[in-house]
Protein backbone atom coordinates (compact mmCIF):
# COMPACT_ATOMS: atom_id res chain seq x y z
CA MET A 1 0.43 72.71 -18.57
CA ASN A 2 -0.23 69.73 -16.40
CA HIS A 3 -3.85 69.21 -15.53
CA GLU A 4 -3.21 68.66 -11.99
CA LEU A 5 -1.02 71.56 -11.50
CA ALA A 6 -3.75 73.81 -13.30
CA ALA A 7 -6.53 72.34 -11.03
CA LEU A 8 -4.56 73.06 -8.02
CA ALA A 9 -4.00 76.71 -9.26
CA CYS A 10 -7.93 76.73 -10.04
CA HIS A 11 -8.55 75.61 -6.38
CA ALA A 12 -6.18 77.90 -4.93
CA TRP A 13 -7.81 80.97 -6.77
CA ILE A 14 -11.32 79.80 -5.62
CA VAL A 15 -10.17 79.52 -2.19
CA ARG A 16 -8.75 82.76 -2.12
CA LEU A 17 -12.05 84.35 -3.25
CA GLN A 18 -13.83 82.39 -0.24
CA VAL A 19 -11.21 83.58 2.16
CA GLN A 20 -11.78 87.16 1.38
CA GLY A 21 -14.75 87.14 3.62
CA PRO A 22 -18.45 86.50 3.64
CA ASN A 23 -19.47 89.78 1.96
CA SER A 24 -16.80 89.38 -0.58
CA VAL A 25 -18.87 89.56 -3.71
CA THR A 26 -21.18 87.11 -1.76
CA ASN A 27 -18.53 84.46 -1.67
CA ALA A 28 -18.09 84.46 -5.67
CA TYR A 29 -21.82 83.90 -5.85
CA ASN A 30 -21.50 80.73 -3.91
CA ASN A 31 -18.90 79.59 -6.30
CA ARG A 32 -21.35 79.22 -9.17
CA THR A 33 -19.58 81.89 -11.00
CA ALA A 34 -16.21 81.64 -9.76
CA GLY A 35 -15.12 81.05 -13.41
CA ALA A 36 -15.79 84.69 -14.15
CA GLN A 37 -13.16 85.46 -11.49
CA LEU A 38 -10.55 83.30 -12.98
CA PRO A 39 -7.84 84.27 -15.52
CA LEU A 40 -8.62 83.14 -18.87
CA PRO A 41 -5.79 80.59 -19.30
CA PHE A 42 -7.42 78.69 -16.11
CA ILE A 43 -10.78 78.27 -18.02
CA PRO A 44 -10.16 74.63 -19.60
CA SER A 45 -8.73 73.42 -16.18
CA TYR A 46 -11.55 74.94 -14.25
CA THR A 47 -14.12 73.11 -16.48
CA VAL A 48 -12.16 69.91 -15.67
CA VAL A 49 -12.65 70.72 -11.87
CA LEU A 50 -16.39 71.17 -12.74
CA GLY A 51 -16.46 67.65 -14.07
CA LEU A 52 -16.51 68.50 -17.74
CA THR A 53 -13.88 67.48 -20.42
CA THR A 54 -10.80 69.54 -21.42
CA PHE A 55 -12.17 69.63 -24.89
CA LYS A 56 -15.26 71.70 -23.65
CA GLY A 57 -12.97 73.78 -21.82
CA ALA A 58 -10.86 74.59 -24.71
CA ASN A 59 -14.06 75.18 -26.88
CA LEU A 60 -15.24 77.54 -24.28
CA LEU A 61 -12.05 79.50 -24.09
CA ALA A 62 -11.85 79.65 -27.99
CA THR A 63 -15.36 81.05 -28.23
CA ASN A 64 -14.76 83.49 -25.74
CA ASN A 65 -11.69 84.76 -27.64
CA THR A 66 -13.42 84.83 -30.82
CA ILE A 67 -16.50 86.83 -29.42
CA ASN A 68 -13.98 89.22 -27.83
CA ALA A 69 -12.16 89.74 -31.03
CA ALA A 70 -15.51 90.36 -33.03
CA SER A 71 -16.82 92.64 -30.48
CA ARG A 72 -13.70 94.63 -30.45
CA VAL A 73 -14.02 95.28 -34.31
CA LEU A 74 -17.82 95.95 -34.17
CA THR A 75 -17.42 98.45 -31.09
CA ASP A 76 -14.46 100.24 -33.10
CA TYR A 77 -16.63 100.52 -35.98
CA ALA A 78 -19.59 101.83 -34.15
CA GLY A 79 -17.39 104.28 -32.25
CA GLU A 80 -16.31 105.68 -35.57
CA ARG A 81 -19.92 106.01 -36.94
CA LEU A 82 -21.86 106.74 -33.77
CA GLY A 83 -19.07 108.67 -31.57
CA ARG A 84 -17.29 107.13 -28.64
CA GLN A 85 -19.52 108.33 -25.85
CA ASN A 86 -22.63 107.13 -27.66
CA THR A 87 -21.10 103.51 -28.14
CA LEU A 88 -19.90 103.47 -24.73
CA VAL A 89 -23.74 104.17 -23.71
CA LEU A 90 -25.16 101.66 -26.04
CA THR A 91 -22.72 98.94 -24.99
CA LEU A 92 -23.48 99.63 -21.23
CA LEU A 93 -27.09 99.23 -22.15
CA LEU A 94 -26.75 96.19 -23.86
CA ALA A 95 -24.45 94.49 -21.08
CA ALA A 96 -27.23 95.68 -18.54
CA CYS A 97 -29.97 93.92 -20.60
CA SER A 98 -28.08 90.80 -20.79
CA ALA A 99 -27.66 90.60 -17.08
């Protein structure tokens, strides 16, 4: 994917978040966390928009995918051992503590 085209798509995505109104998730947290609103394939190009290298963006995407795959396996195992609803409550509590 051409980096200029991807950067334009990222910019269009961020502008779309801004145009939705002042109360729209408080303007995507003033664009500091707009990367969380982007689709995953745009993350390397978004890091270029932020002034980082594409290498760091690719590493960020690879790390995200690795943690996602590992967490799916672990939550599946926990769901079998502890029960589905107990695992859901546990993961929601962990997510609340991390925020």
